[in-house]
Amino acid sequence: MLHCGEELWSEDPARELNNEISELQARVAFPHHWSSGEHEQHIEKLRQLTYEKSRLTDRSGSSSME
């Protein structure tokens, strides 16, 4: 992983995305560790990242067919 200024930049964004999804899945699986507000935030972030991953997968699949 490389640091570019304040931003964290990864050579493999798909791996970073999968890591974030895994972390959030663990948080959502154990809601008693979080306040209800935090739990709802985790669920929403997980939904967004899952959607982003599906878009990334679709994009990489369609570009390899060209």
N, C-alpha and C. Protein backbone atom coordinates (compact mmCIF):
# COMPACT_ATOMS: atom_id res chain seq x y z
N MET A 1 0.83 -1.17 0.00
CA MET A 1 0.00 0.00 0.00
C MET A 1 0.88 1.24 0.00
N LEU A 2 0.52 2.21 -0.77
CA LEU A 2 1.29 3.43 -0.88
C LEU A 2 0.49 4.58 -0.31
N HIS A 3 1.20 5.54 0.25
CA HIS A 3 0.53 6.73 0.76
C HIS A 3 0.77 7.87 -0.22
N CYS A 4 -0.30 8.48 -0.69
CA CYS A 4 -0.21 9.63 -1.59
C CYS A 4 -0.81 10.82 -0.86
N GLY A 5 0.03 11.63 -0.25
CA GLY A 5 -0.47 12.75 0.55
C GLY A 5 -1.23 12.20 1.74
N GLU A 6 -2.45 12.64 1.92
CA GLU A 6 -3.29 12.16 3.02
C GLU A 6 -4.08 10.92 2.63
N GLU A 7 -4.18 10.64 1.34
CA GLU A 7 -5.00 9.52 0.89
C GLU A 7 -4.23 8.22 0.97
N LEU A 8 -4.95 7.18 1.33
CA LEU A 8 -4.38 5.84 1.33
C LEU A 8 -4.70 5.23 -0.03
N TRP A 9 -3.69 4.77 -0.72
CA TRP A 9 -3.89 4.24 -2.06
C TRP A 9 -3.44 2.80 -2.09
N SER A 10 -4.22 1.95 -2.68
CA SER A 10 -3.91 0.53 -2.75
C SER A 10 -3.66 0.14 -4.19
N GLU A 11 -2.74 -0.78 -4.37
CA GLU A 11 -2.48 -1.28 -5.71
C GLU A 11 -3.59 -2.23 -6.16
N ASP A 12 -4.37 -2.75 -5.20
CA ASP A 12 -5.44 -3.68 -5.52
C ASP A 12 -6.73 -3.23 -4.84
N PRO A 13 -7.49 -2.35 -5.51
CA PRO A 13 -8.72 -1.85 -4.88
C PRO A 13 -9.73 -2.95 -4.59
N ALA A 14 -9.77 -4.00 -5.39
CA ALA A 14 -10.71 -5.10 -5.14
C ALA A 14 -10.40 -5.79 -3.82
N ARG A 15 -9.12 -5.98 -3.53
CA ARG A 15 -8.72 -6.60 -2.27
C ARG A 15 -9.11 -5.72 -1.09
N GLU A 16 -8.88 -4.42 -1.21
CA GLU A 16 -9.25 -3.48 -0.15
C GLU A 16 -10.77 -3.50 0.06
N LEU A 17 -11.51 -3.55 -1.01
CA LEU A 17 -12.96 -3.59 -0.93
C LEU A 17 -13.42 -4.86 -0.22
N ASN A 18 -12.83 -5.99 -0.58
CA ASN A 18 -13.16 -7.26 0.07
C ASN A 18 -12.83 -7.22 1.56
N ASN A 19 -11.71 -6.61 1.91
CA ASN A 19 -11.33 -6.49 3.32
C ASN A 19 -12.35 -5.65 4.09
N GLU A 20 -12.76 -4.54 3.50
CA GLU A 20 -13.76 -3.68 4.15
C GLU A 20 -15.09 -4.41 4.31
N ILE A 21 -15.49 -5.15 3.28
CA ILE A 21 -16.74 -5.91 3.35
C ILE A 21 -16.66 -6.97 4.44
N SER A 22 -15.55 -7.67 4.53
CA SER A 22 -15.38 -8.70 5.57
C SER A 22 -15.47 -8.09 6.96
N GLU A 23 -14.82 -6.96 7.15
CA GLU A 23 -14.86 -6.28 8.44
C GLU A 23 -16.29 -5.89 8.81
N LEU A 24 -17.02 -5.32 7.86
CA LEU A 24 -18.39 -4.90 8.13
C LEU A 24 -19.31 -6.09 8.34
N GLN A 25 -19.08 -7.20 7.63
CA GLN A 25 -19.90 -8.39 7.85
C GLN A 25 -19.75 -8.88 9.29
N ALA A 26 -18.52 -8.83 9.81
CA ALA A 26 -18.29 -9.24 11.20
C ALA A 26 -19.00 -8.29 12.16
N ARG A 27 -18.96 -7.00 11.87
CA ARG A 27 -19.63 -6.02 12.74
C ARG A 27 -21.14 -6.21 12.71
N VAL A 28 -21.69 -6.46 11.53
CA VAL A 28 -23.14 -6.64 11.41
C VAL A 28 -23.57 -7.94 12.08
N ALA A 29 -22.71 -8.95 12.07
CA ALA A 29 -23.04 -10.24 12.66
C ALA A 29 -23.14 -10.18 14.18
N PHE A 30 -22.51 -9.17 14.80
CA PHE A 30 -22.52 -9.04 16.25
C PHE A 30 -23.03 -7.66 16.65
N PRO A 31 -24.33 -7.42 16.45
CA PRO A 31 -24.88 -6.08 16.69
C PRO A 31 -24.85 -5.66 18.16
N HIS A 32 -24.78 -6.61 19.08
CA HIS A 32 -24.79 -6.25 20.50
C HIS A 32 -23.53 -5.50 20.93
N HIS A 33 -22.50 -5.48 20.09
CA HIS A 33 -21.28 -4.73 20.38
C HIS A 33 -21.39 -3.25 20.02
N TRP A 34 -22.47 -2.88 19.33
CA TRP A 34 -22.59 -1.53 18.79
C TRP A 34 -23.91 -0.91 19.21
N SER A 35 -23.95 0.41 19.22
CA SER A 35 -25.22 1.08 19.46
C SER A 35 -26.11 0.85 18.23
N SER A 36 -27.41 1.08 18.40
CA SER A 36 -28.31 0.84 17.27
C SER A 36 -27.97 1.76 16.09
N GLY A 37 -27.54 2.99 16.39
CA GLY A 37 -27.13 3.91 15.32
C GLY A 37 -25.91 3.42 14.57
N GLU A 38 -24.93 2.93 15.32
CA GLU A 38 -23.71 2.39 14.68
C GLU A 38 -24.05 1.17 13.85
N HIS A 39 -24.92 0.31 14.38
CA HIS A 39 -25.31 -0.90 13.66
C HIS A 39 -25.97 -0.55 12.33
N GLU A 40 -26.87 0.44 12.35
CA GLU A 40 -27.52 0.87 11.11
C GLU A 40 -26.50 1.45 10.12
N GLN A 41 -25.51 2.18 10.62
CA GLN A 41 -24.45 2.72 9.76
C GLN A 41 -23.65 1.58 9.13
N HIS A 42 -23.35 0.56 9.91
CA HIS A 42 -22.60 -0.59 9.38
C HIS A 42 -23.38 -1.31 8.29
N ILE A 43 -24.68 -1.48 8.52
CA ILE A 43 -25.53 -2.14 7.52
C ILE A 43 -25.55 -1.33 6.23
N GLU A 44 -25.72 -0.02 6.33
CA GLU A 44 -25.77 0.83 5.15
C GLU A 44 -24.44 0.84 4.40
N LYS A 45 -23.34 0.93 5.13
CA LYS A 45 -22.01 0.92 4.50
C LYS A 45 -21.76 -0.41 3.82
N LEU A 46 -22.17 -1.51 4.46
CA LEU A 46 -22.02 -2.84 3.86
C LEU A 46 -22.82 -2.94 2.57
N ARG A 47 -24.04 -2.39 2.59
CA ARG A 47 -24.86 -2.40 1.38
C ARG A 47 -24.18 -1.62 0.25
N GLN A 48 -23.63 -0.45 0.59
CA GLN A 48 -22.95 0.36 -0.42
C GLN A 48 -21.72 -0.34 -0.98
N LEU A 49 -20.92 -0.95 -0.11
CA LEU A 49 -19.70 -1.61 -0.57
C LEU A 49 -20.01 -2.85 -1.40
N THR A 50 -21.07 -3.56 -1.03
CA THR A 50 -21.48 -4.73 -1.80
C THR A 50 -21.91 -4.32 -3.20
N TYR A 51 -22.63 -3.20 -3.28
CA TYR A 51 -23.05 -2.68 -4.58
C TYR A 51 -21.82 -2.25 -5.40
N GLU A 52 -20.90 -1.56 -4.74
CA GLU A 52 -19.67 -1.12 -5.42
C GLU A 52 -18.88 -2.32 -5.94
N LYS A 53 -18.81 -3.38 -5.14
CA LYS A 53 -18.10 -4.59 -5.56
C LYS A 53 -18.77 -5.22 -6.78
N SER A 54 -20.10 -5.26 -6.79
CA SER A 54 -20.81 -5.84 -7.93
C SER A 54 -20.56 -5.01 -9.19
N ARG A 55 -20.52 -3.69 -9.05
CA ARG A 55 -20.23 -2.83 -10.19
C ARG A 55 -18.80 -3.06 -10.70
N LEU A 56 -17.86 -3.19 -9.77
CA LEU A 56 -16.47 -3.42 -10.13
C LEU A 56 -16.32 -4.77 -10.85
N THR A 57 -17.02 -5.77 -10.35
CA THR A 57 -16.98 -7.10 -10.96
C THR A 57 -17.60 -7.08 -12.35
N ASP A 58 -18.74 -6.39 -12.48
CA ASP A 58 -19.39 -6.28 -13.79
C ASP A 58 -18.50 -5.56 -14.79
N ARG A 59 -17.87 -4.48 -14.33
CA ARG A 59 -17.02 -3.68 -15.20
C ARG A 59 -15.81 -4.50 -15.65
N SER A 60 -15.18 -5.23 -14.76
CA SER A 60 -13.99 -5.99 -15.12
C SER A 60 -14.38 -7.17 -16.01
N GLY A 61 -15.56 -7.74 -15.80
CA GLY A 61 -16.02 -8.84 -16.64
C GLY A 61 -16.34 -8.38 -18.04
N SER A 62 -16.95 -7.22 -18.18
CA SER A 62 -17.31 -6.74 -19.52
C SER A 62 -16.09 -6.21 -20.27
N SER A 63 -15.10 -5.67 -19.56
CA SER A 63 -13.91 -5.18 -20.26
C SER A 63 -13.03 -6.33 -20.74
N SER A 64 -13.08 -7.47 -20.07
CA SER A 64 -12.26 -8.60 -20.52
C SER A 64 -12.88 -9.27 -21.75
N MET A 65 -14.16 -9.00 -22.02
CA MET A 65 -14.83 -9.59 -23.17
C MET A 65 -14.63 -8.75 -24.42
N GLU A 66 -14.12 -7.55 -24.27
CA GLU A 66 -13.94 -6.66 -25.43
C GLU A 66 -12.73 -7.02 -26.23
